[in-house]
Amino acid sequence: MTKLLSKVGISAAALALAAFAFTAQAQQKAPDKAAPKAAAQPKCKTIKQQAGCEGRSDCGWVAESKDAKGKVKAKAYCRSKPAPKKEAPKKEAPKK
């Protein structure tokens, strides 16, 4: 009986040691994979406060709209401003 308990104890210790080694190895690999990234700004449509929306140059605040009775028809929201249009190069008039 004691030999059986001894073998079970050794097996349990070996299993615990293997699990510990596996987790230690996994923890060492994690920092190598995770490269530091710059914090990306949230998309304009996710901003819920007017000050946060107007504080960014690429977002615009749309005020809420009400009907004649004063009932809110559409809530205020933040949206992306359209990208500036690129000017097409002007063609020169042919010289005579």
Protein backbone atom coordinates (compact mmCIF):
# COMPACT_ATOMS: atom_id res chain seq x y z
CA MET A 1 0.00 0.00 0.00
CA THR A 2 2.81 2.41 0.86
CA LYS A 3 4.57 1.63 -2.41
CA LEU A 4 1.40 2.53 -4.31
CA LEU A 5 1.05 5.83 -2.43
CA SER A 6 4.71 6.53 -3.03
CA LYS A 7 4.32 5.97 -6.80
CA VAL A 8 1.19 8.12 -6.91
CA GLY A 9 2.97 10.86 -4.97
CA ILE A 10 5.95 10.79 -7.32
CA SER A 11 3.64 10.85 -10.35
CA ALA A 12 1.72 13.79 -8.92
CA ALA A 13 4.93 15.67 -8.21
CA ALA A 14 6.21 15.02 -11.73
CA LEU A 15 2.91 16.20 -13.18
CA ALA A 16 2.97 19.37 -11.07
CA LEU A 17 6.56 20.07 -12.09
CA ALA A 18 5.69 19.61 -15.77
CA ALA A 19 2.71 21.97 -15.45
CA PHE A 20 4.88 24.55 -13.71
CA ALA A 21 7.53 24.32 -16.43
CA PHE A 22 4.89 24.67 -19.15
CA THR A 23 3.37 27.82 -17.61
CA ALA A 24 6.81 29.34 -17.05
CA GLN A 25 7.66 28.72 -20.70
CA ALA A 26 4.36 30.23 -21.85
CA GLN A 27 4.98 33.35 -19.76
CA GLN A 28 8.40 33.82 -21.30
CA LYS A 29 7.09 33.66 -24.86
CA ALA A 30 4.22 36.12 -24.32
CA PRO A 31 6.33 39.34 -24.11
CA ASP A 32 8.16 38.46 -27.33
CA LYS A 33 4.90 38.20 -29.27
CA ALA A 34 3.31 41.34 -27.84
CA ALA A 35 5.09 44.26 -29.46
CA PRO A 36 4.29 47.65 -27.95
CA LYS A 37 1.69 49.38 -30.08
CA ALA A 38 0.66 53.00 -30.09
CA ALA A 39 -2.75 53.53 -28.54
CA ALA A 40 -5.20 53.92 -31.39
CA GLN A 41 -7.83 56.59 -31.07
CA PRO A 42 -11.42 55.37 -30.90
CA LYS A 43 -13.56 55.74 -33.99
CA CYS A 44 -15.66 58.89 -34.12
CA LYS A 45 -18.95 57.00 -34.03
CA THR A 46 -18.08 55.49 -30.64
CA ILE A 47 -17.66 58.88 -28.92
CA LYS A 48 -20.75 59.82 -26.91
CA GLN A 49 -19.76 63.24 -25.52
CA GLN A 50 -19.72 66.48 -27.48
CA ALA A 51 -16.47 67.77 -25.95
CA GLY A 52 -14.60 64.60 -26.85
CA CYS A 53 -15.90 64.71 -30.40
CA GLU A 54 -15.16 68.38 -31.03
CA GLY A 55 -11.69 67.98 -29.53
CA ARG A 56 -10.60 65.91 -32.52
CA SER A 57 -9.94 67.36 -35.95
CA ASP A 58 -11.27 64.32 -37.83
CA CYS A 59 -14.69 64.22 -36.10
CA GLY A 60 -17.77 66.41 -36.19
CA TRP A 61 -20.73 66.67 -33.76
CA VAL A 62 -24.27 66.44 -35.15
CA ALA A 63 -26.85 68.09 -32.88
CA GLU A 64 -30.11 66.36 -32.02
CA SER A 65 -33.14 67.20 -34.12
CA LYS A 66 -36.60 67.91 -32.69
CA ASP A 67 -40.02 68.16 -34.28
CA ALA A 68 -42.47 71.07 -33.81
CA LYS A 69 -43.75 69.63 -30.50
CA GLY A 70 -40.24 69.42 -29.06
CA LYS A 71 -39.99 65.65 -29.25
CA VAL A 72 -36.49 64.40 -30.10
CA LYS A 73 -36.52 62.81 -33.55
CA ALA A 74 -32.80 61.97 -33.71
CA LYS A 75 -30.25 61.94 -30.89
CA ALA A 76 -27.02 63.90 -31.13
CA TYR A 77 -24.00 61.89 -32.28
CA CYS A 78 -20.41 62.14 -33.41
CA ARG A 79 -19.31 61.21 -36.93
CA SER A 80 -16.21 61.28 -39.07
CA LYS A 81 -15.61 64.31 -41.24
CA PRO A 82 -15.30 63.52 -44.93
CA ALA A 83 -11.77 63.22 -46.21
CA PRO A 84 -10.57 66.32 -48.08
CA LYS A 85 -10.84 65.96 -51.83
CA LYS A 86 -7.60 65.87 -53.75
CA GLU A 87 -7.33 68.44 -56.49
CA ALA A 88 -6.76 67.11 -59.95
CA PRO A 89 -3.71 68.61 -61.64
CA LYS A 90 -4.70 71.41 -63.97
CA LYS A 91 -3.95 70.89 -67.61
CA GLU A 92 -2.19 73.69 -69.39
CA ALA A 93 -3.67 75.13 -72.53
CA PRO A 94 -1.75 74.06 -75.63
CA LYS A 95 0.66 76.77 -76.79
CA LYS A 96 0.37 78.01 -80.35
